[in-house]
């Protein structure tokens, strides 16, 4: 498989074709938040906490599912991506009991999510469908 060179947060990285944006970012030491693999979640790729902004692409892309492309320019912490993550965390906190998920609670703190933004309707467990 050929290699692909792209830019993530201004740094160039070369990875095999088919690599996800998440894995390419990890190669550069960039931390893109993920929770879809957390035991409190039920499906991979649905949480969208890992969204990133890609030049020339209108929607935010999930880094855990999106493959890299040649010359792609990715921003892992744009204002738009961080605002999206904060909203997702606020919705998640309003819907799911996260008392046994300290890693997710840390994301809520890190992104300054407003725990009172959405009315509560918590269920016992599960982040996905």
Protein backbone atom coordinates (compact mmCIF):
# COMPACT_ATOMS: atom_id res chain seq x y z
CA UNK A 1 0.00 0.00 0.00
CA UNK A 2 1.45 3.43 -0.88
CA UNK A 3 2.20 6.06 1.71
CA UNK A 4 0.19 9.26 2.12
CA UNK A 5 1.63 12.56 3.33
CA UNK A 6 -0.66 15.02 5.07
CA UNK A 7 -0.49 17.92 7.51
CA UNK A 8 -1.99 17.79 11.00
CA UNK A 9 -1.93 20.96 13.09
CA UNK A 10 0.82 22.33 10.84
CA UNK A 11 3.07 19.26 11.12
CA UNK A 12 3.72 16.93 8.19
CA UNK A 13 3.29 13.19 8.64
CA UNK A 14 3.55 10.23 6.26
CA UNK A 15 1.48 7.12 6.94
CA UNK A 16 0.26 4.13 4.93
CA UNK A 17 -2.84 4.72 2.79
CA UNK A 18 -5.94 3.64 4.68
CA UNK A 19 -4.67 4.95 8.03
CA UNK A 20 -7.28 6.90 9.97
CA UNK A 21 -6.78 10.54 10.85
CA UNK A 22 -6.75 9.44 14.51
CA UNK A 23 -3.82 7.05 13.99
CA UNK A 24 -1.93 9.61 11.90
CA UNK A 25 -2.41 12.22 14.65
CA UNK A 26 -1.18 9.73 17.27
CA UNK A 27 1.97 9.19 15.19
CA UNK A 28 2.65 12.92 15.63
CA UNK A 29 1.92 12.75 19.36
CA UNK A 30 -1.35 14.69 18.97
CA UNK A 31 -4.15 13.77 21.35
CA UNK A 32 -7.56 13.61 19.72
CA UNK A 33 -10.20 12.76 22.33
CA UNK A 34 -12.11 9.52 21.89
CA UNK A 35 -14.74 7.83 24.00
CA UNK A 36 -16.39 5.44 21.54
CA UNK A 37 -14.14 2.67 22.82
CA UNK A 38 -15.08 3.34 26.44
CA UNK A 39 -16.94 0.56 28.26
CA UNK A 40 -19.84 2.96 28.97
CA UNK A 41 -20.45 3.30 25.23
CA UNK A 42 -22.14 0.77 23.02
CA UNK A 43 -20.97 1.54 19.49
CA UNK A 44 -17.74 2.70 17.89
CA UNK A 45 -17.78 5.79 15.70
CA UNK A 46 -21.07 7.22 16.97
CA UNK A 47 -19.93 9.56 19.72
CA UNK A 48 -18.19 12.08 17.40
CA UNK A 49 -15.97 13.40 20.19
CA UNK A 50 -12.99 12.91 17.89
CA UNK A 51 -14.23 15.28 15.17
CA UNK A 52 -11.58 17.28 13.32
CA UNK A 53 -11.70 20.02 10.74
CA UNK A 54 -10.27 19.28 7.28
CA UNK A 55 -9.54 22.07 4.80
CA UNK A 56 -12.00 21.97 1.91
CA UNK A 57 -14.45 19.64 3.68
CA UNK A 58 -17.61 21.25 5.06
CA UNK A 59 -18.66 18.77 7.78
CA UNK A 60 -16.39 17.92 10.68
CA UNK A 61 -14.98 14.41 10.23
CA UNK A 62 -14.68 11.70 12.87
CA UNK A 63 -10.94 11.05 13.19
CA UNK A 64 -11.51 7.45 14.34
CA UNK A 65 -13.23 6.47 11.07
CA UNK A 66 -11.94 8.85 8.39
CA UNK A 67 -9.02 7.69 6.26
CA UNK A 68 -6.23 10.11 5.38
CA UNK A 69 -5.80 11.53 1.88
CA UNK A 70 -2.73 12.87 0.13
CA UNK A 71 -2.07 16.55 0.99
CA UNK A 72 -4.96 16.63 3.48
CA UNK A 73 -4.76 19.50 5.98
CA UNK A 74 -6.27 18.65 9.35
CA UNK A 75 -6.91 20.77 12.43
CA UNK A 76 -7.50 18.72 15.56
CA UNK A 77 -8.37 21.60 17.87
CA UNK A 78 -10.12 24.28 15.82
CA UNK A 79 -12.73 26.39 17.60
CA UNK A 80 -15.42 24.64 15.56
CA UNK A 81 -14.26 21.14 16.53
CA UNK A 82 -13.94 22.07 20.18
CA UNK A 83 -17.41 23.66 20.21
CA UNK A 84 -18.81 20.47 18.69
CA UNK A 85 -17.07 18.32 21.30
CA UNK A 86 -18.39 20.51 24.11
CA UNK A 87 -21.98 20.20 22.82
CA UNK A 88 -21.68 16.42 22.45
CA UNK A 89 -20.36 16.17 26.00
CA UNK A 90 -23.21 18.34 27.30
CA UNK A 91 -25.78 16.14 25.57
CA UNK A 92 -24.08 12.97 26.77
CA UNK A 93 -23.92 14.23 30.35
CA UNK A 94 -27.63 15.08 30.26
CA UNK A 95 -28.59 11.64 28.94
CA UNK A 96 -26.24 9.11 30.55
CA UNK A 97 -25.08 8.45 34.10
CA UNK A 98 -21.33 9.04 33.85
CA UNK A 99 -20.57 8.59 37.55
CA UNK A 100 -18.42 5.54 36.75
CA UNK A 101 -16.65 7.18 33.80
CA UNK A 102 -13.96 9.49 35.21
CA UNK A 103 -12.23 9.75 31.83
CA UNK A 104 -15.37 11.20 30.26
CA UNK A 105 -15.93 13.48 33.26
CA UNK A 106 -12.41 14.83 32.70
CA UNK A 107 -13.31 15.64 29.08
CA UNK A 108 -16.38 17.50 30.39
CA UNK A 109 -14.09 19.58 32.60
CA UNK A 110 -11.39 20.03 29.93
CA UNK A 111 -13.90 21.31 27.36
CA UNK A 112 -15.78 23.40 29.93
CA UNK A 113 -19.06 21.71 29.12
CA UNK A 114 -22.13 23.25 30.76
CA UNK A 115 -23.69 20.39 32.72
CA UNK A 116 -26.96 22.32 33.06
CA UNK A 117 -27.41 23.24 29.39
CA UNK A 118 -29.77 20.37 28.55
CA UNK A 119 -32.50 18.97 30.81
CA UNK A 120 -31.66 15.67 32.44
CA UNK A 121 -33.16 12.41 31.23
CA UNK A 122 -30.39 10.04 32.20
CA UNK A 123 -30.36 6.37 31.45
CA UNK A 124 -28.10 3.97 33.28
CA UNK A 125 -25.55 3.24 30.58
CA UNK A 126 -24.64 3.66 26.92
CA UNK A 127 -23.22 6.33 24.64
CA UNK A 128 -24.36 4.97 21.29
CA UNK A 129 -27.26 3.31 19.58
